[in-house]
């Protein structure tokens, strides 16, 4: 009975983290967030990549200056997060990202 309760608790945690339906074990989940400060024309952005167990694999954060609207902040944040994920993909699977071969070779040599 105790093992069943632990299994139910684990499933509930997955539902809380990933929503109503747990994602397949091979999927990764990326959350992107940002906040915009109108009076300072600044934006802060972050992203976090998790596996199906909810373990953090990678994350990043950055700030932007001269952001004049919330829409601009959203666009810059998404663009930055997508660029970061593309570079991660280019390093881990360079054949799948031929357009980023130059960057992936340089970054791989730094690791």
C-alpha atoms as a PDB file:
ATOM      1  CA  UNK A   1       0.000   0.000   0.000  1.00  0.00           C
ATOM      2  CA  UNK A   2       2.870   2.392   0.816  1.00  0.00           C
ATOM      3  CA  UNK A   3       4.483   1.785  -2.596  1.00  0.00           C
ATOM      4  CA  UNK A   4       1.179   2.573  -4.311  1.00  0.00           C
ATOM      5  CA  UNK A   5       0.919   5.853  -2.371  1.00  0.00           C
ATOM      6  CA  UNK A   6       4.471   6.797  -3.403  1.00  0.00           C
ATOM      7  CA  UNK A   7       3.648   6.056  -7.049  1.00  0.00           C
ATOM      8  CA  UNK A   8       0.514   8.225  -6.819  1.00  0.00           C
ATOM      9  CA  UNK A   9       2.556  11.036  -5.219  1.00  0.00           C
ATOM     10  CA  UNK A  10       5.084  10.853  -8.060  1.00  0.00           C
ATOM     11  CA  UNK A  11       2.331  10.999 -10.672  1.00  0.00           C
ATOM     12  CA  UNK A  12       0.788  14.005  -8.911  1.00  0.00           C
ATOM     13  CA  UNK A  13       4.150  15.793  -8.938  1.00  0.00           C
ATOM     14  CA  UNK A  14       4.442  15.137 -12.686  1.00  0.00           C
ATOM     15  CA  UNK A  15       0.950  16.555 -13.206  1.00  0.00           C
ATOM     16  CA  UNK A  16       1.833  19.663 -11.185  1.00  0.00           C
ATOM     17  CA  UNK A  17       5.084  20.197 -13.126  1.00  0.00           C
ATOM     18  CA  UNK A  18       3.970  19.190 -16.624  1.00  0.00           C
ATOM     19  CA  UNK A  19       0.207  19.726 -16.601  1.00  0.00           C
ATOM     20  CA  UNK A  20      -2.617  17.211 -16.678  1.00  0.00           C
ATOM     21  CA  UNK A  21      -0.986  14.719 -19.010  1.00  0.00           C
ATOM     22  CA  UNK A  22       2.624  13.678 -18.319  1.00  0.00           C
ATOM     23  CA  UNK A  23       4.869  14.047 -21.342  1.00  0.00           C
ATOM     24  CA  UNK A  24       6.494  11.030 -23.017  1.00  0.00           C
ATOM     25  CA  UNK A  25       9.813   9.972 -21.487  1.00  0.00           C
ATOM     26  CA  UNK A  26      11.787  11.033 -24.571  1.00  0.00           C
ATOM     27  CA  UNK A  27      10.450  14.610 -24.602  1.00  0.00           C
ATOM     28  CA  UNK A  28      12.054  17.687 -23.117  1.00  0.00           C
ATOM     29  CA  UNK A  29      10.155  20.698 -21.807  1.00  0.00           C
ATOM     30  CA  UNK A  30      11.354  24.276 -22.080  1.00  0.00           C
ATOM     31  CA  UNK A  31       9.783  27.134 -20.137  1.00  0.00           C
ATOM     32  CA  UNK A  32      10.535  30.700 -21.203  1.00  0.00           C
ATOM     33  CA  UNK A  33       9.723  33.710 -19.059  1.00  0.00           C
ATOM     34  CA  UNK A  34      10.326  37.430 -19.082  1.00  0.00           C
ATOM     35  CA  UNK A  35       9.524  40.570 -17.142  1.00  0.00           C
ATOM     36  CA  UNK A  36       9.476  44.131 -18.498  1.00  0.00           C
ATOM     37  CA  UNK A  37      10.133  47.307 -16.515  1.00  0.00           C
ATOM     38  CA  UNK A  38       8.429  50.177 -18.345  1.00  0.00           C
ATOM     39  CA  UNK A  39      10.007  53.008 -16.342  1.00  0.00           C
ATOM     40  CA  UNK A  40      13.553  51.703 -16.930  1.00  0.00           C
ATOM     41  CA  UNK A  41      12.935  50.312 -20.451  1.00  0.00           C
ATOM     42  CA  UNK A  42      14.523  47.037 -19.385  1.00  0.00           C
ATOM     43  CA  UNK A  43      13.578  43.425 -19.777  1.00  0.00           C
ATOM     44  CA  UNK A  44      14.824  40.271 -18.059  1.00  0.00           C
ATOM     45  CA  UNK A  45      14.425  36.849 -19.648  1.00  0.00           C
ATOM     46  CA  UNK A  46      15.095  33.261 -18.648  1.00  0.00           C
ATOM     47  CA  UNK A  47      14.604  29.748 -19.949  1.00  0.00           C
ATOM     48  CA  UNK A  48      14.843  26.345 -18.321  1.00  0.00           C
ATOM     49  CA  UNK A  49      15.019  22.942 -20.018  1.00  0.00           C
ATOM     50  CA  UNK A  50      13.755  19.872 -18.131  1.00  0.00           C
ATOM     51  CA  UNK A  51      13.501  16.192 -18.904  1.00  0.00           C
ATOM     52  CA  UNK A  52      10.340  14.138 -18.431  1.00  0.00           C
ATOM     53  CA  UNK A  53      11.181  13.610 -14.747  1.00  0.00           C
ATOM     54  CA  UNK A  54      11.315  17.365 -14.183  1.00  0.00           C
ATOM     55  CA  UNK A  55      15.089  17.416 -13.679  1.00  0.00           C
ATOM     56  CA  UNK A  56      16.767  20.595 -14.902  1.00  0.00           C
ATOM     57  CA  UNK A  57      19.120  19.946 -17.821  1.00  0.00           C
ATOM     58  CA  UNK A  58      20.042  23.498 -18.862  1.00  0.00           C
ATOM     59  CA  UNK A  59      18.993  27.045 -18.091  1.00  0.00           C
ATOM     60  CA  UNK A  60      19.880  30.579 -19.040  1.00  0.00           C
ATOM     61  CA  UNK A  61      19.043  34.175 -18.174  1.00  0.00           C
ATOM     62  CA  UNK A  62      19.782  37.559 -19.619  1.00  0.00           C
ATOM     63  CA  UNK A  63      18.782  41.212 -19.465  1.00  0.00           C
ATOM     64  CA  UNK A  64      17.974  43.598 -22.305  1.00  0.00           C
ATOM     65  CA  UNK A  65      18.206  47.408 -22.391  1.00  0.00           C
ATOM     66  CA  UNK A  66      16.207  49.943 -24.404  1.00  0.00           C
ATOM     67  CA  UNK A  67      13.081  47.764 -24.554  1.00  0.00           C
ATOM     68  CA  UNK A  68      10.244  50.195 -25.153  1.00  0.00           C
ATOM     69  CA  UNK A  69       7.226  47.877 -24.919  1.00  0.00           C
ATOM     70  CA  UNK A  70       6.131  44.603 -23.406  1.00  0.00           C
ATOM     71  CA  UNK A  71       5.692  43.181 -26.916  1.00  0.00           C
ATOM     72  CA  UNK A  72       9.304  44.086 -27.760  1.00  0.00           C
ATOM     73  CA  UNK A  73      10.428  42.424 -24.538  1.00  0.00           C
ATOM     74  CA  UNK A  74       8.515  39.275 -25.390  1.00  0.00           C
ATOM     75  CA  UNK A  75       9.984  39.168 -28.896  1.00  0.00           C
ATOM     76  CA  UNK A  76      13.576  39.697 -27.688  1.00  0.00           C
ATOM     77  CA  UNK A  77      13.149  37.058 -24.974  1.00  0.00           C
ATOM     78  CA  UNK A  78      11.780  34.433 -27.352  1.00  0.00           C
ATOM     79  CA  UNK A  79      14.388  35.219 -30.009  1.00  0.00           C
ATOM     80  CA  UNK A  80      17.182  34.880 -27.467  1.00  0.00           C
ATOM     81  CA  UNK A  81      15.809  31.620 -26.027  1.00  0.00           C
ATOM     82  CA  UNK A  82      15.370  30.070 -29.477  1.00  0.00           C
ATOM     83  CA  UNK A  83      18.887  31.120 -30.468  1.00  0.00           C
ATOM     84  CA  UNK A  84      20.254  29.496 -27.306  1.00  0.00           C
ATOM     85  CA  UNK A  85      18.414  26.245 -27.984  1.00  0.00           C
ATOM     86  CA  UNK A  86      19.624  26.232 -31.586  1.00  0.00           C
ATOM     87  CA  UNK A  87      23.208  26.524 -30.405  1.00  0.00           C
ATOM     88  CA  UNK A  88      22.716  23.732 -27.868  1.00  0.00           C
ATOM     89  CA  UNK A  89      21.306  21.560 -30.665  1.00  0.00           C
ATOM     90  CA  UNK A  90      24.139  22.548 -32.980  1.00  0.00           C
ATOM     91  CA  UNK A  91      26.715  21.410 -30.431  1.00  0.00           C
ATOM     92  CA  UNK A  92      25.008  18.147 -29.487  1.00  0.00           C
ATOM     93  CA  UNK A  93      23.883  17.187 -33.038  1.00  0.00           C
ATOM     94  CA  UNK A  94      25.901  19.224 -35.548  1.00  0.00           C
ATOM     95  CA  UNK A  95      24.711  17.213 -38.564  1.00  0.00           C
ATOM     96  CA  UNK A  96      21.132  18.320 -37.852  1.00  0.00           C
ATOM     97  CA  UNK A  97      22.145  22.012 -37.814  1.00  0.00           C
ATOM     98  CA  UNK A  98      24.381  22.576 -40.866  1.00  0.00           C
ATOM     99  CA  UNK A  99      23.613  26.309 -40.957  1.00  0.00           C
ATOM    100  CA  UNK A 100      25.237  26.675 -37.515  1.00  0.00           C
ATOM    101  CA  UNK A 101      28.275  24.507 -38.239  1.00  0.00           C
ATOM    102  CA  UNK A 102      30.713  27.402 -37.777  1.00  0.00           C
ATOM    103  CA  UNK A 103      29.314  28.278 -34.340  1.00  0.00           C
ATOM    104  CA  UNK A 104      29.040  24.677 -33.196  1.00  0.00           C
ATOM    105  CA  UNK A 105      32.672  23.983 -34.127  1.00  0.00           C
ATOM    106  CA  UNK A 106      33.888  27.054 -32.240  1.00  0.00           C
ATOM    107  CA  UNK A 107      31.767  26.323 -29.173  1.00  0.00           C
ATOM    108  CA  UNK A 108      32.687  22.628 -29.154  1.00  0.00           C
ATOM    109  CA  UNK A 109      36.370  23.542 -29.144  1.00  0.00           C
ATOM    110  CA  UNK A 110      35.768  25.707 -26.039  1.00  0.00           C
ATOM    111  CA  UNK A 111      34.197  22.850 -24.092  1.00  0.00           C
END
